[in-house]
């Protein structure tokens, strides 16, 4: 039995369709609490791993201590330089892998934060274009220009999609199947709300009791 199925079974055990609260706040609280508890019990926990920076390496520290005693020892100097080079490459290789993993998981904010903090090559502060050229460019760019109005503004009546028509709105309560289909469109890796419910906790659930509770909840709303 996979994790999704065990999660759905745990939700079914927490939500009894024969005992659904009629109070909106109580019902909402019961749904969110059941999902959060099921996620906590069934889903595997992620353990954050912390890699030590290169300067905490014991071998490098010992070499540096020896070099302080013999500062003119050229062999020690070469050994320290080589060790620093290897550790630096190893450190940035690990950070590059973390950035790639964040990119593959579509964790855009984490990806850019890592890339900003651990870029080996910092952006140059050198000015490549004179202030005079920049001023001339932006004066031309922001100068007043005569723009031809698009036909949609000149004759909006000639365009069908611009005509004012009353949209057809389904005012019936949502059905169980509609709610299931809507939940499948939830995006992964989004921040939890105040109810502490991850979107994956609803998206990947096949618990029929959960969707019964959600149907009642949305009908009450």
N, C-alpha and C. Protein backbone atom coordinates (compact mmCIF):
# COMPACT_ATOMS: atom_id res chain seq x y z
N UNK A 1 0.85 -1.19 0.00
CA UNK A 1 0.00 0.00 0.00
C UNK A 1 0.89 1.25 0.00
N UNK A 2 0.67 2.15 -0.97
CA UNK A 2 1.53 3.33 -1.06
C UNK A 2 1.10 4.40 -0.05
N UNK A 3 1.89 5.48 0.00
CA UNK A 3 1.66 6.53 0.99
C UNK A 3 0.31 7.21 0.77
N UNK A 4 -0.02 7.47 -0.51
CA UNK A 4 -1.29 8.16 -0.81
C UNK A 4 -2.49 7.35 -0.33
N UNK A 5 -2.43 6.02 -0.52
CA UNK A 5 -3.54 5.17 -0.10
C UNK A 5 -3.64 5.11 1.42
N UNK A 6 -2.48 5.00 2.10
CA UNK A 6 -2.50 4.97 3.57
C UNK A 6 -3.00 6.30 4.13
N UNK A 7 -2.61 7.40 3.44
CA UNK A 7 -3.08 8.73 3.87
C UNK A 7 -4.59 8.82 3.73
N UNK A 8 -5.13 8.34 2.59
CA UNK A 8 -6.58 8.39 2.36
C UNK A 8 -7.33 7.53 3.36
N UNK A 9 -6.78 6.34 3.68
CA UNK A 9 -7.42 5.46 4.66
C UNK A 9 -7.45 6.11 6.04
N UNK A 10 -6.35 6.78 6.38
CA UNK A 10 -6.30 7.45 7.69
C UNK A 10 -7.32 8.58 7.75
N UNK A 11 -7.48 9.30 6.62
CA UNK A 11 -8.49 10.36 6.58
C UNK A 11 -9.90 9.78 6.74
N UNK A 12 -10.15 8.66 6.06
CA UNK A 12 -11.47 8.02 6.18
C UNK A 12 -11.79 7.66 7.63
N UNK A 13 -10.75 7.23 8.36
CA UNK A 13 -10.97 6.86 9.76
C UNK A 13 -11.23 8.08 10.65
N UNK A 14 -10.72 9.25 10.23
CA UNK A 14 -10.89 10.47 11.03
C UNK A 14 -12.21 11.19 10.73
N UNK A 15 -12.74 10.99 9.52
CA UNK A 15 -13.95 11.71 9.10
C UNK A 15 -15.11 10.73 8.95
N UNK A 16 -16.10 10.87 9.80
CA UNK A 16 -17.27 9.98 9.78
C UNK A 16 -18.41 10.68 9.04
N UNK A 17 -18.82 10.15 7.88
CA UNK A 17 -19.91 10.81 7.11
C UNK A 17 -21.26 10.78 7.82
N UNK A 18 -21.39 9.92 8.85
CA UNK A 18 -22.64 9.86 9.61
C UNK A 18 -22.66 10.86 10.77
N UNK A 19 -21.57 11.56 10.96
CA UNK A 19 -21.48 12.53 12.06
C UNK A 19 -20.83 13.82 11.54
N UNK A 20 -21.53 14.52 10.66
CA UNK A 20 -21.01 15.75 10.06
C UNK A 20 -21.59 16.95 10.80
N UNK A 21 -20.75 17.82 11.36
CA UNK A 21 -21.26 19.00 12.09
C UNK A 21 -22.04 19.93 11.15
N UNK A 22 -23.04 20.57 11.69
CA UNK A 22 -23.83 21.52 10.89
C UNK A 22 -23.33 22.95 11.04
N UNK A 23 -22.48 23.17 12.06
CA UNK A 23 -21.90 24.50 12.25
C UNK A 23 -20.72 24.66 11.29
N UNK A 24 -20.70 25.78 10.56
CA UNK A 24 -19.69 25.99 9.52
C UNK A 24 -18.27 26.00 10.09
N UNK A 25 -18.05 26.75 11.18
CA UNK A 25 -16.71 26.85 11.76
C UNK A 25 -16.23 25.50 12.30
N UNK A 26 -17.13 24.77 12.94
CA UNK A 26 -16.77 23.45 13.49
C UNK A 26 -16.41 22.48 12.38
N UNK A 27 -17.20 22.50 11.30
CA UNK A 27 -16.95 21.62 10.16
C UNK A 27 -15.61 21.93 9.51
N UNK A 28 -15.34 23.21 9.30
CA UNK A 28 -14.09 23.64 8.68
C UNK A 28 -12.90 23.23 9.55
N UNK A 29 -13.02 23.41 10.85
CA UNK A 29 -11.95 23.04 11.79
C UNK A 29 -11.70 21.54 11.78
N UNK A 30 -12.78 20.76 11.73
CA UNK A 30 -12.63 19.30 11.74
C UNK A 30 -11.93 18.81 10.48
N UNK A 31 -12.26 19.40 9.32
CA UNK A 31 -11.62 18.99 8.06
C UNK A 31 -10.13 19.32 8.08
N UNK A 32 -9.80 20.56 8.44
CA UNK A 32 -8.39 20.99 8.42
C UNK A 32 -7.56 20.21 9.45
N UNK A 33 -8.13 19.96 10.63
CA UNK A 33 -7.41 19.21 11.66
C UNK A 33 -7.18 17.77 11.23
N UNK A 34 -8.17 17.16 10.59
CA UNK A 34 -8.05 15.77 10.14
C UNK A 34 -6.97 15.64 9.07
N UNK A 35 -6.94 16.58 8.12
CA UNK A 35 -5.93 16.53 7.06
C UNK A 35 -4.54 16.72 7.64
N UNK A 36 -4.39 17.73 8.52
CA UNK A 36 -3.07 18.01 9.11
C UNK A 36 -2.57 16.82 9.93
N UNK A 37 -3.45 16.19 10.71
CA UNK A 37 -3.06 15.04 11.54
C UNK A 37 -2.69 13.84 10.66
N UNK A 38 -3.44 13.63 9.58
CA UNK A 38 -3.16 12.50 8.69
C UNK A 38 -1.83 12.68 7.98
N UNK A 39 -1.56 13.91 7.55
CA UNK A 39 -0.27 14.20 6.92
C UNK A 39 0.87 13.95 7.90
N UNK A 40 0.68 14.39 9.14
CA UNK A 40 1.73 14.25 10.15
C UNK A 40 1.98 12.79 10.50
N UNK A 41 0.93 11.97 10.52
CA UNK A 41 1.06 10.56 10.91
C UNK A 41 1.61 9.70 9.78
N UNK A 42 1.11 9.93 8.55
CA UNK A 42 1.39 9.01 7.45
C UNK A 42 2.57 9.42 6.59
N UNK A 43 2.66 10.69 6.26
CA UNK A 43 3.65 11.13 5.27
C UNK A 43 5.05 11.14 5.88
N UNK A 44 6.06 10.76 5.09
CA UNK A 44 7.45 10.74 5.61
C UNK A 44 7.93 12.15 5.90
N UNK A 45 8.72 12.27 6.95
CA UNK A 45 9.24 13.57 7.36
C UNK A 45 10.54 13.88 6.61
N UNK A 46 10.73 15.13 6.25
CA UNK A 46 11.97 15.54 5.61
C UNK A 46 12.96 15.99 6.68
N UNK A 47 14.17 15.49 6.58
CA UNK A 47 15.22 15.83 7.55
C UNK A 47 16.23 16.73 6.87
N UNK A 48 16.37 17.94 7.39
CA UNK A 48 17.30 18.90 6.79
C UNK A 48 18.74 18.50 7.12
N UNK A 49 19.57 18.45 6.10
CA UNK A 49 20.98 18.12 6.30
C UNK A 49 21.81 19.39 6.14
N UNK A 50 22.76 19.54 7.02
CA UNK A 50 23.61 20.73 6.99
C UNK A 50 25.04 20.32 6.70
N UNK A 51 25.59 20.85 5.62
CA UNK A 51 26.98 20.54 5.27
C UNK A 51 27.90 21.59 5.88
N UNK A 52 29.03 21.11 6.39
CA UNK A 52 29.99 22.03 7.02
C UNK A 52 30.72 22.85 5.96
N UNK A 53 30.98 24.12 6.24
CA UNK A 53 31.75 24.94 5.29
C UNK A 53 33.18 24.44 5.19
N UNK A 54 33.87 24.75 4.09
CA UNK A 54 35.22 24.22 3.87
C UNK A 54 36.20 24.56 4.99
N UNK A 55 36.06 25.76 5.58
CA UNK A 55 37.05 26.18 6.59
C UNK A 55 36.94 25.40 7.90
N UNK A 56 35.89 24.58 8.07
CA UNK A 56 35.77 23.76 9.27
C UNK A 56 36.38 22.37 9.08
N UNK A 57 37.00 22.12 7.93
CA UNK A 57 37.62 20.84 7.67
C UNK A 57 38.83 20.64 8.59
N UNK A 58 38.89 19.48 9.27
CA UNK A 58 39.95 19.21 10.26
C UNK A 58 41.33 19.18 9.60
N UNK A 59 41.41 18.53 8.44
CA UNK A 59 42.72 18.42 7.77
C UNK A 59 43.26 19.80 7.40
N UNK A 60 42.37 20.67 6.89
CA UNK A 60 42.81 22.02 6.53
C UNK A 60 43.24 22.80 7.76
N UNK A 61 42.48 22.66 8.84
CA UNK A 61 42.84 23.38 10.07
C UNK A 61 44.19 22.92 10.61
N UNK A 62 44.46 21.61 10.52
CA UNK A 62 45.76 21.09 10.98
C UNK A 62 46.89 21.61 10.11
N UNK A 63 46.65 21.65 8.79
CA UNK A 63 47.67 22.17 7.88
C UNK A 63 47.95 23.65 8.15
N UNK A 64 46.87 24.41 8.41
CA UNK A 64 47.04 25.84 8.70
C UNK A 64 47.82 26.04 10.00
N UNK A 65 47.56 25.19 11.00
CA UNK A 65 48.29 25.29 12.28
C UNK A 65 49.78 25.01 12.08
N UNK A 66 50.08 24.00 11.24
CA UNK A 66 51.47 23.69 10.94
C UNK A 66 52.14 24.82 10.17
N UNK A 67 51.37 25.44 9.24
CA UNK A 67 51.94 26.53 8.44
C UNK A 67 52.23 27.77 9.30
N UNK A 68 51.40 27.99 10.32
CA UNK A 68 51.65 29.13 11.22
C UNK A 68 52.97 28.95 11.98
N UNK A 69 53.32 27.68 12.25
CA UNK A 69 54.59 27.40 12.94
C UNK A 69 55.77 27.50 11.97
N UNK A 70 55.52 27.15 10.69
CA UNK A 70 56.59 27.19 9.68
C UNK A 70 56.10 28.01 8.47
N UNK A 71 55.99 29.32 8.61
CA UNK A 71 55.40 30.14 7.53
C UNK A 71 56.21 30.14 6.23
N UNK A 72 57.47 29.79 6.29
CA UNK A 72 58.29 29.81 5.08
C UNK A 72 58.38 28.45 4.40
N UNK A 73 57.68 27.46 4.89
CA UNK A 73 57.71 26.11 4.32
C UNK A 73 56.90 26.10 3.02
N UNK A 74 57.58 26.03 1.88
CA UNK A 74 56.90 26.11 0.58
C UNK A 74 56.05 24.87 0.30
N UNK A 75 56.49 23.70 0.79
CA UNK A 75 55.70 22.48 0.59
C UNK A 75 54.36 22.57 1.32
N UNK A 76 54.41 23.09 2.55
CA UNK A 76 53.16 23.27 3.31
C UNK A 76 52.24 24.29 2.64
N UNK A 77 52.82 25.36 2.12
CA UNK A 77 52.03 26.38 1.42
C UNK A 77 51.31 25.77 0.22
N UNK A 78 52.03 24.96 -0.55
CA UNK A 78 51.42 24.31 -1.72
C UNK A 78 50.32 23.35 -1.30
N UNK A 79 50.57 22.61 -0.21
CA UNK A 79 49.58 21.64 0.27
C UNK A 79 48.31 22.34 0.75
N UNK A 80 48.48 23.47 1.43
CA UNK A 80 47.33 24.24 1.91
C UNK A 80 46.53 24.78 0.73
N UNK A 81 47.24 25.34 -0.28
CA UNK A 81 46.55 25.87 -1.45
C UNK A 81 45.75 24.79 -2.18
N UNK A 82 46.37 23.60 -2.32
CA UNK A 82 45.70 22.50 -3.02
C UNK A 82 44.49 22.01 -2.23
N UNK A 83 44.64 21.93 -0.90
CA UNK A 83 43.52 21.48 -0.05
C UNK A 83 42.38 22.47 -0.11
N UNK A 84 42.69 23.77 -0.07
CA UNK A 84 41.65 24.80 -0.15
C UNK A 84 40.92 24.72 -1.48
N UNK A 85 41.68 24.49 -2.55
CA UNK A 85 41.08 24.40 -3.89
C UNK A 85 40.09 23.23 -3.97
N UNK A 86 40.52 22.06 -3.46
CA UNK A 86 39.66 20.87 -3.49
C UNK A 86 38.39 21.09 -2.67
N UNK A 87 38.55 21.65 -1.46
CA UNK A 87 37.40 21.88 -0.58
C UNK A 87 36.44 22.90 -1.18
N UNK A 88 36.99 23.92 -1.81
CA UNK A 88 36.16 24.95 -2.43
C UNK A 88 35.33 24.37 -3.57
N UNK A 89 35.98 23.55 -4.41
CA UNK A 89 35.26 22.92 -5.52
C UNK A 89 34.17 21.98 -5.00
N UNK A 90 34.50 21.23 -3.95
CA UNK A 90 33.53 20.30 -3.36
C UNK A 90 32.34 21.06 -2.77
N UNK A 91 32.62 22.17 -2.07
CA UNK A 91 31.57 22.97 -1.44
C UNK A 91 30.61 23.53 -2.49
N UNK A 92 31.16 24.14 -3.56
CA UNK A 92 30.30 24.74 -4.58
C UNK A 92 29.61 23.70 -5.44
N UNK A 93 30.22 22.51 -5.55
CA UNK A 93 29.56 21.42 -6.26
C UNK A 93 28.30 20.98 -5.51
N UNK A 94 28.40 20.89 -4.18
CA UNK A 94 27.23 20.53 -3.36
C UNK A 94 26.14 21.60 -3.47
N UNK A 95 26.55 22.88 -3.46
CA UNK A 95 25.57 23.96 -3.58
C UNK A 95 24.91 23.95 -4.95
N UNK A 96 25.70 23.62 -5.99
CA UNK A 96 25.13 23.53 -7.34
C UNK A 96 24.08 22.43 -7.42
N UNK A 97 24.36 21.31 -6.74
CA UNK A 97 23.38 20.22 -6.71
C UNK A 97 22.11 20.63 -5.98
N UNK A 98 22.26 21.40 -4.90
CA UNK A 98 21.09 21.90 -4.16
C UNK A 98 20.25 22.82 -5.05
N UNK A 99 20.92 23.68 -5.82
CA UNK A 99 20.20 24.60 -6.73
C UNK A 99 19.47 23.80 -7.80
N UNK A 100 20.13 22.77 -8.35
CA UNK A 100 19.49 21.93 -9.37
C UNK A 100 18.28 21.20 -8.81
N UNK A 101 18.41 20.69 -7.57
CA UNK A 101 17.28 19.99 -6.93
C UNK A 101 16.11 20.94 -6.70
N UNK A 102 16.42 22.18 -6.28
CA UNK A 102 15.38 23.18 -6.07
C UNK A 102 14.70 23.54 -7.39
N UNK A 103 15.50 23.60 -8.47
CA UNK A 103 14.93 23.92 -9.80
C UNK A 103 14.02 22.79 -10.28
N UNK A 104 14.46 21.53 -10.07
CA UNK A 104 13.64 20.39 -10.49
C UNK A 104 12.35 20.29 -9.69
N UNK A 105 12.42 20.69 -8.41
CA UNK A 105 11.22 20.65 -7.55
C UNK A 105 10.37 21.91 -7.72
N UNK A 106 10.80 22.81 -8.62
CA UNK A 106 10.08 24.07 -8.88
C UNK A 106 9.97 24.95 -7.65
N UNK A 107 10.99 24.88 -6.79
CA UNK A 107 11.05 25.77 -5.63
C UNK A 107 11.85 27.01 -6.06
N UNK A 108 11.15 27.89 -6.77
CA UNK A 108 11.82 29.01 -7.44
C UNK A 108 12.51 29.94 -6.44
N UNK A 109 11.81 30.25 -5.35
CA UNK A 109 12.36 31.18 -4.36
C UNK A 109 13.64 30.62 -3.74
N UNK A 110 13.63 29.31 -3.39
CA UNK A 110 14.81 28.67 -2.82
C UNK A 110 15.94 28.63 -3.84
N UNK A 111 15.59 28.34 -5.10
CA UNK A 111 16.61 28.25 -6.16
C UNK A 111 17.36 29.57 -6.32
N UNK A 112 16.62 30.69 -6.40
CA UNK A 112 17.25 31.98 -6.60
C UNK A 112 18.01 32.45 -5.36
N UNK A 113 17.49 32.10 -4.18
CA UNK A 113 18.18 32.48 -2.94
C UNK A 113 19.52 31.76 -2.83
N UNK A 114 19.54 30.47 -3.16
CA UNK A 114 20.80 29.71 -3.14
C UNK A 114 21.77 30.25 -4.18
N UNK A 115 21.25 30.53 -5.38
CA UNK A 115 22.12 31.04 -6.45
C UNK A 115 22.72 32.39 -6.08
N UNK A 116 21.92 33.21 -5.37
CA UNK A 116 22.41 34.53 -4.96
C UNK A 116 23.46 34.42 -3.86
N UNK A 117 23.23 33.51 -2.91
CA UNK A 117 24.15 33.40 -1.76
C UNK A 117 25.45 32.68 -2.08
N UNK A 118 25.39 31.74 -3.02
CA UNK A 118 26.55 30.87 -3.24
C UNK A 118 27.12 30.95 -4.65
N UNK A 119 26.92 32.06 -5.34
CA UNK A 119 27.52 32.23 -6.66
C UNK A 119 29.03 32.42 -6.53
N UNK A 120 29.81 31.63 -7.27
CA UNK A 120 31.27 31.75 -7.18
C UNK A 120 31.74 33.06 -7.80
N UNK A 121 31.03 33.53 -8.82
CA UNK A 121 31.43 34.74 -9.51
C UNK A 121 30.44 35.85 -9.17
N UNK A 122 30.89 36.84 -8.44
CA UNK A 122 30.04 37.95 -8.05
C UNK A 122 29.91 38.93 -9.22
N UNK A 123 28.77 39.62 -9.34
CA UNK A 123 28.60 40.58 -10.44
C UNK A 123 29.59 41.74 -10.32
N UNK A 124 30.10 42.17 -11.45
CA UNK A 124 31.08 43.25 -11.48
C UNK A 124 30.42 44.60 -11.28
N UNK A 125 31.13 45.50 -10.59
CA UNK A 125 30.62 46.87 -10.37
C UNK A 125 31.14 47.82 -11.44
N UNK A 126 31.84 47.29 -12.42
CA UNK A 126 32.43 48.13 -13.47
C UNK A 126 31.35 48.72 -14.35
N UNK A 127 31.47 50.01 -14.67
CA UNK A 127 30.49 50.69 -15.52
C UNK A 127 30.91 50.49 -16.98
N UNK A 128 30.02 49.92 -17.77
CA UNK A 128 30.35 49.59 -19.17
C UNK A 128 29.83 50.63 -20.16
N UNK A 129 29.06 51.57 -19.70
CA UNK A 129 28.52 52.59 -20.60
C UNK A 129 28.51 53.93 -19.86
N UNK A 130 28.80 54.99 -20.57
CA UNK A 130 28.92 56.31 -19.94
C UNK A 130 27.55 56.85 -19.53
N UNK A 131 27.57 57.78 -18.57
CA UNK A 131 26.32 58.40 -18.11
C UNK A 131 25.66 59.20 -19.23
N UNK A 132 26.49 59.82 -20.10
CA UNK A 132 25.95 60.62 -21.20
C UNK A 132 25.14 59.75 -22.16
N UNK A 133 25.68 58.57 -22.50
CA UNK A 133 24.97 57.68 -23.41
C UNK A 133 23.68 57.14 -22.78
N UNK A 134 23.76 56.84 -21.49
CA UNK A 134 22.56 56.38 -20.80
C UNK A 134 21.48 57.45 -20.78
N UNK A 135 21.88 58.70 -20.49
CA UNK A 135 20.93 59.81 -20.45
C UNK A 135 20.28 60.01 -21.81
N UNK A 136 21.09 59.96 -22.87
CA UNK A 136 20.57 60.16 -24.22
C UNK A 136 19.60 59.03 -24.60
N UNK A 137 19.94 57.81 -24.20
CA UNK A 137 19.08 56.67 -24.53
C UNK A 137 17.70 56.80 -23.86
N UNK A 138 17.69 57.14 -22.56
CA UNK A 138 16.42 57.20 -21.85
C UNK A 138 15.62 58.45 -22.21
N UNK A 139 16.29 59.53 -22.58
CA UNK A 139 15.56 60.71 -23.07
C UNK A 139 14.79 60.36 -24.34
N UNK A 140 15.43 59.60 -25.22
CA UNK A 140 14.76 59.18 -26.45
C UNK A 140 13.67 58.16 -26.15
N UNK A 141 13.97 57.24 -25.21
CA UNK A 141 13.03 56.16 -24.90
C UNK A 141 11.74 56.70 -24.28
N UNK A 142 11.87 57.71 -23.41
CA UNK A 142 10.69 58.24 -22.72
C UNK A 142 10.14 59.51 -23.35
N UNK A 143 10.61 59.87 -24.51
CA UNK A 143 10.11 61.08 -25.17
C UNK A 143 8.68 60.86 -25.68
N UNK A 144 7.94 61.96 -25.85
CA UNK A 144 6.56 61.88 -26.32
C UNK A 144 6.53 61.42 -27.77
N UNK A 145 5.65 60.44 -28.05
CA UNK A 145 5.51 59.93 -29.42
C UNK A 145 4.05 59.77 -29.75
N UNK A 146 3.75 59.98 -31.01
CA UNK A 146 2.37 59.79 -31.48
C UNK A 146 2.15 58.31 -31.77
N UNK A 147 1.19 57.74 -31.08
CA UNK A 147 0.88 56.33 -31.28
C UNK A 147 -0.49 56.18 -31.93
N UNK A 148 -0.54 55.30 -32.89
CA UNK A 148 -1.82 55.05 -33.58
C UNK A 148 -2.71 54.18 -32.69
N UNK A 149 -3.95 54.60 -32.53
CA UNK A 149 -4.87 53.83 -31.69
C UNK A 149 -5.20 52.49 -32.35
N UNK A 150 -5.24 51.42 -31.56
CA UNK A 150 -5.60 50.12 -32.14
C UNK A 150 -7.07 50.12 -32.56
N UNK A 151 -7.42 49.29 -33.54
CA UNK A 151 -8.82 49.28 -34.05
C UNK A 151 -9.83 48.90 -32.98
N UNK A 152 -9.40 48.13 -31.96
CA UNK A 152 -10.34 47.76 -30.89
C UNK A 152 -10.83 48.97 -30.12
N UNK A 153 -9.99 50.02 -30.03
CA UNK A 153 -10.40 51.24 -29.33
C UNK A 153 -11.18 52.18 -30.24
N UNK A 154 -10.84 52.17 -31.52
CA UNK A 154 -11.52 53.05 -32.47
C UNK A 154 -12.94 52.56 -32.73
N UNK A 155 -13.09 51.27 -32.99
CA UNK A 155 -14.42 50.70 -33.31
C UNK A 155 -14.63 49.41 -32.52
N UNK A 156 -14.88 49.50 -31.22
CA UNK A 156 -15.05 48.28 -30.42
C UNK A 156 -16.26 47.45 -30.83
N UNK A 157 -17.27 48.11 -31.47
CA UNK A 157 -18.48 47.38 -31.86
C UNK A 157 -18.22 46.35 -32.95
N UNK A 158 -17.09 46.46 -33.62
CA UNK A 158 -16.78 45.51 -34.70
C UNK A 158 -16.13 44.22 -34.19
N UNK A 159 -15.87 44.15 -32.89
CA UNK A 159 -15.18 42.99 -32.34
C UNK A 159 -16.12 42.26 -31.39
N UNK A 160 -16.38 40.99 -31.72
CA UNK A 160 -17.37 40.21 -31.00
C UNK A 160 -17.00 40.02 -29.53
N UNK A 161 -15.71 39.79 -29.27
CA UNK A 161 -15.31 39.49 -27.89
C UNK A 161 -15.36 40.72 -26.98
N UNK A 162 -15.52 41.93 -27.56
CA UNK A 162 -15.62 43.14 -26.75
C UNK A 162 -17.07 43.52 -26.44
N UNK A 163 -18.02 42.83 -27.05
CA UNK A 163 -19.43 43.16 -26.81
C UNK A 163 -19.83 42.73 -25.40
N UNK A 164 -20.63 43.55 -24.76
CA UNK A 164 -21.06 43.30 -23.38
C UNK A 164 -22.15 42.24 -23.37
N UNK A 165 -21.80 41.06 -22.91
CA UNK A 165 -22.77 39.96 -22.84
C UNK A 165 -22.76 39.36 -21.45
N UNK A 166 -23.90 38.97 -20.97
CA UNK A 166 -24.02 38.42 -19.62
C UNK A 166 -23.45 37.00 -19.59
N UNK A 167 -22.45 36.75 -18.75
CA UNK A 167 -21.89 35.39 -18.68
C UNK A 167 -22.86 34.42 -18.01
N UNK A 168 -22.78 33.18 -18.43
CA UNK A 168 -23.61 32.14 -17.84
C UNK A 168 -22.92 31.61 -16.58
N UNK A 169 -23.56 31.78 -15.45
CA UNK A 169 -22.98 31.37 -14.17
C UNK A 169 -23.82 30.24 -13.58
N UNK A 170 -23.14 29.14 -13.25
CA UNK A 170 -23.82 28.01 -12.61
C UNK A 170 -23.97 28.32 -11.13
N UNK A 171 -25.18 28.53 -10.70
CA UNK A 171 -25.44 28.91 -9.31
C UNK A 171 -25.85 27.71 -8.45
N UNK A 172 -25.76 26.52 -9.01
CA UNK A 172 -26.09 25.32 -8.24
C UNK A 172 -24.93 24.99 -7.28
N UNK A 173 -25.23 24.33 -6.16
CA UNK A 173 -24.15 23.91 -5.25
C UNK A 173 -23.19 22.97 -5.99
N UNK A 174 -21.90 23.02 -5.65
CA UNK A 174 -20.92 22.15 -6.33
C UNK A 174 -21.18 20.68 -6.02
N UNK A 175 -20.95 19.83 -7.01
CA UNK A 175 -21.13 18.40 -6.82
C UNK A 175 -19.83 17.77 -6.32
N UNK A 176 -19.93 16.52 -5.87
CA UNK A 176 -18.76 15.80 -5.37
C UNK A 176 -17.69 15.66 -6.45
N UNK A 177 -18.12 15.35 -7.68
CA UNK A 177 -17.16 15.16 -8.78
C UNK A 177 -16.49 16.48 -9.15
N UNK A 178 -17.24 17.59 -9.13
CA UNK A 178 -16.66 18.90 -9.44
C UNK A 178 -15.58 19.28 -8.44
N UNK A 179 -15.82 18.97 -7.17
CA UNK A 179 -14.84 19.29 -6.13
C UNK A 179 -13.59 18.43 -6.31
N UNK A 180 -13.77 17.15 -6.65
CA UNK A 180 -12.61 16.27 -6.88
C UNK A 180 -11.75 16.79 -8.03
N UNK A 181 -12.40 17.20 -9.12
CA UNK A 181 -11.66 17.71 -10.29
C UNK A 181 -10.95 19.02 -9.96
N UNK A 182 -11.61 19.87 -9.17
CA UNK A 182 -10.99 21.15 -8.79
C UNK A 182 -9.76 20.92 -7.90
N UNK A 183 -9.84 19.94 -7.01
CA UNK A 183 -8.72 19.66 -6.10
C UNK A 183 -7.49 19.13 -6.85
N UNK A 184 -7.71 18.47 -7.98
CA UNK A 184 -6.59 17.95 -8.78
C UNK A 184 -5.75 19.06 -9.40
N UNK A 185 -6.31 20.27 -9.48
CA UNK A 185 -5.59 21.39 -10.11
C UNK A 185 -4.72 22.15 -9.11
N UNK A 186 -4.75 21.77 -7.82
CA UNK A 186 -3.93 22.47 -6.82
C UNK A 186 -2.45 22.35 -7.17
N UNK A 187 -1.69 23.41 -6.92
CA UNK A 187 -0.25 23.39 -7.19
C UNK A 187 0.52 22.84 -5.99
N UNK A 188 1.63 22.18 -6.29
CA UNK A 188 2.47 21.61 -5.24
C UNK A 188 3.41 22.66 -4.66
N UNK A 189 3.94 22.34 -3.47
CA UNK A 189 4.99 23.14 -2.82
C UNK A 189 4.56 24.59 -2.54
N UNK A 190 3.29 24.78 -2.21
CA UNK A 190 2.82 26.10 -1.83
C UNK A 190 2.79 26.23 -0.31
N UNK A 191 2.88 27.47 0.17
CA UNK A 191 2.89 27.69 1.63
C UNK A 191 1.55 27.28 2.24
N UNK A 192 1.63 26.76 3.47
CA UNK A 192 0.41 26.41 4.19
C UNK A 192 -0.35 27.68 4.55
N UNK A 193 -1.66 27.55 4.67
CA UNK A 193 -2.47 28.66 5.14
C UNK A 193 -2.54 28.66 6.66
N UNK A 194 -3.43 29.46 7.21
CA UNK A 194 -3.58 29.51 8.68
C UNK A 194 -4.12 28.20 9.23
N UNK A 195 -4.74 27.38 8.37
CA UNK A 195 -5.28 26.09 8.83
C UNK A 195 -4.22 24.99 8.87
N UNK A 196 -2.98 25.31 8.45
CA UNK A 196 -1.86 24.36 8.47
C UNK A 196 -2.11 23.14 7.60
N UNK A 197 -2.85 23.34 6.49
CA UNK A 197 -3.15 22.24 5.56
C UNK A 197 -2.36 22.42 4.28
N UNK A 198 -1.47 21.46 3.93
CA UNK A 198 -0.76 21.56 2.65
C UNK A 198 -1.70 21.24 1.49
N UNK A 199 -1.56 21.91 0.35
CA UNK A 199 -2.44 21.61 -0.79
C UNK A 199 -2.34 20.17 -1.26
N UNK A 200 -1.14 19.54 -1.10
CA UNK A 200 -0.99 18.14 -1.49
C UNK A 200 -1.86 17.21 -0.64
N UNK A 201 -2.18 17.67 0.60
CA UNK A 201 -3.01 16.86 1.49
C UNK A 201 -4.43 16.69 0.98
N UNK A 202 -4.86 17.59 0.10
CA UNK A 202 -6.18 17.47 -0.52
C UNK A 202 -6.05 16.92 -1.93
N UNK A 203 -5.02 17.39 -2.64
CA UNK A 203 -4.85 17.04 -4.06
C UNK A 203 -4.67 15.53 -4.27
N UNK A 204 -3.86 14.89 -3.43
CA UNK A 204 -3.54 13.49 -3.64
C UNK A 204 -4.39 12.54 -2.79
N UNK A 205 -5.40 13.07 -2.16
CA UNK A 205 -6.25 12.22 -1.33
C UNK A 205 -7.33 11.56 -2.19
N UNK A 206 -7.55 10.27 -1.94
CA UNK A 206 -8.66 9.56 -2.59
C UNK A 206 -9.74 9.21 -1.58
N UNK A 207 -9.68 9.87 -0.42
CA UNK A 207 -10.66 9.62 0.65
C UNK A 207 -12.03 10.15 0.25
N UNK A 208 -12.99 9.26 0.12
CA UNK A 208 -14.34 9.66 -0.27
C UNK A 208 -14.99 10.48 0.85
N UNK A 209 -14.67 10.14 2.10
CA UNK A 209 -15.25 10.87 3.24
C UNK A 209 -14.80 12.34 3.23
N UNK A 210 -13.53 12.57 2.85
CA UNK A 210 -13.04 13.94 2.80
C UNK A 210 -13.86 14.77 1.83
N UNK A 211 -14.14 14.23 0.66
CA UNK A 211 -14.87 15.00 -0.36
C UNK A 211 -16.35 15.15 0.00
N UNK A 212 -16.87 14.21 0.77
CA UNK A 212 -18.24 14.38 1.28
C UNK A 212 -18.27 15.57 2.24
N UNK A 213 -17.28 15.64 3.13
CA UNK A 213 -17.19 16.75 4.08
C UNK A 213 -16.99 18.08 3.35
N UNK A 214 -16.12 18.09 2.31
CA UNK A 214 -15.88 19.32 1.55
C UNK A 214 -17.14 19.76 0.80
N UNK A 215 -17.89 18.80 0.29
CA UNK A 215 -19.14 19.13 -0.42
C UNK A 215 -20.12 19.80 0.52
N UNK A 216 -20.28 19.24 1.73
CA UNK A 216 -21.17 19.84 2.74
C UNK A 216 -20.66 21.23 3.13
N UNK A 217 -19.34 21.35 3.31
CA UNK A 217 -18.76 22.64 3.69
C UNK A 217 -19.05 23.71 2.65
N UNK A 218 -18.78 23.41 1.37
CA UNK A 218 -18.99 24.40 0.30
C UNK A 218 -20.48 24.71 0.12
N UNK A 219 -21.34 23.71 0.34
CA UNK A 219 -22.78 23.95 0.26
C UNK A 219 -23.24 24.91 1.35
N UNK A 220 -22.66 24.72 2.57
CA UNK A 220 -23.00 25.64 3.67
C UNK A 220 -22.52 27.04 3.39
N UNK A 221 -21.32 27.15 2.81
CA UNK A 221 -20.78 28.49 2.50
C UNK A 221 -21.66 29.18 1.47
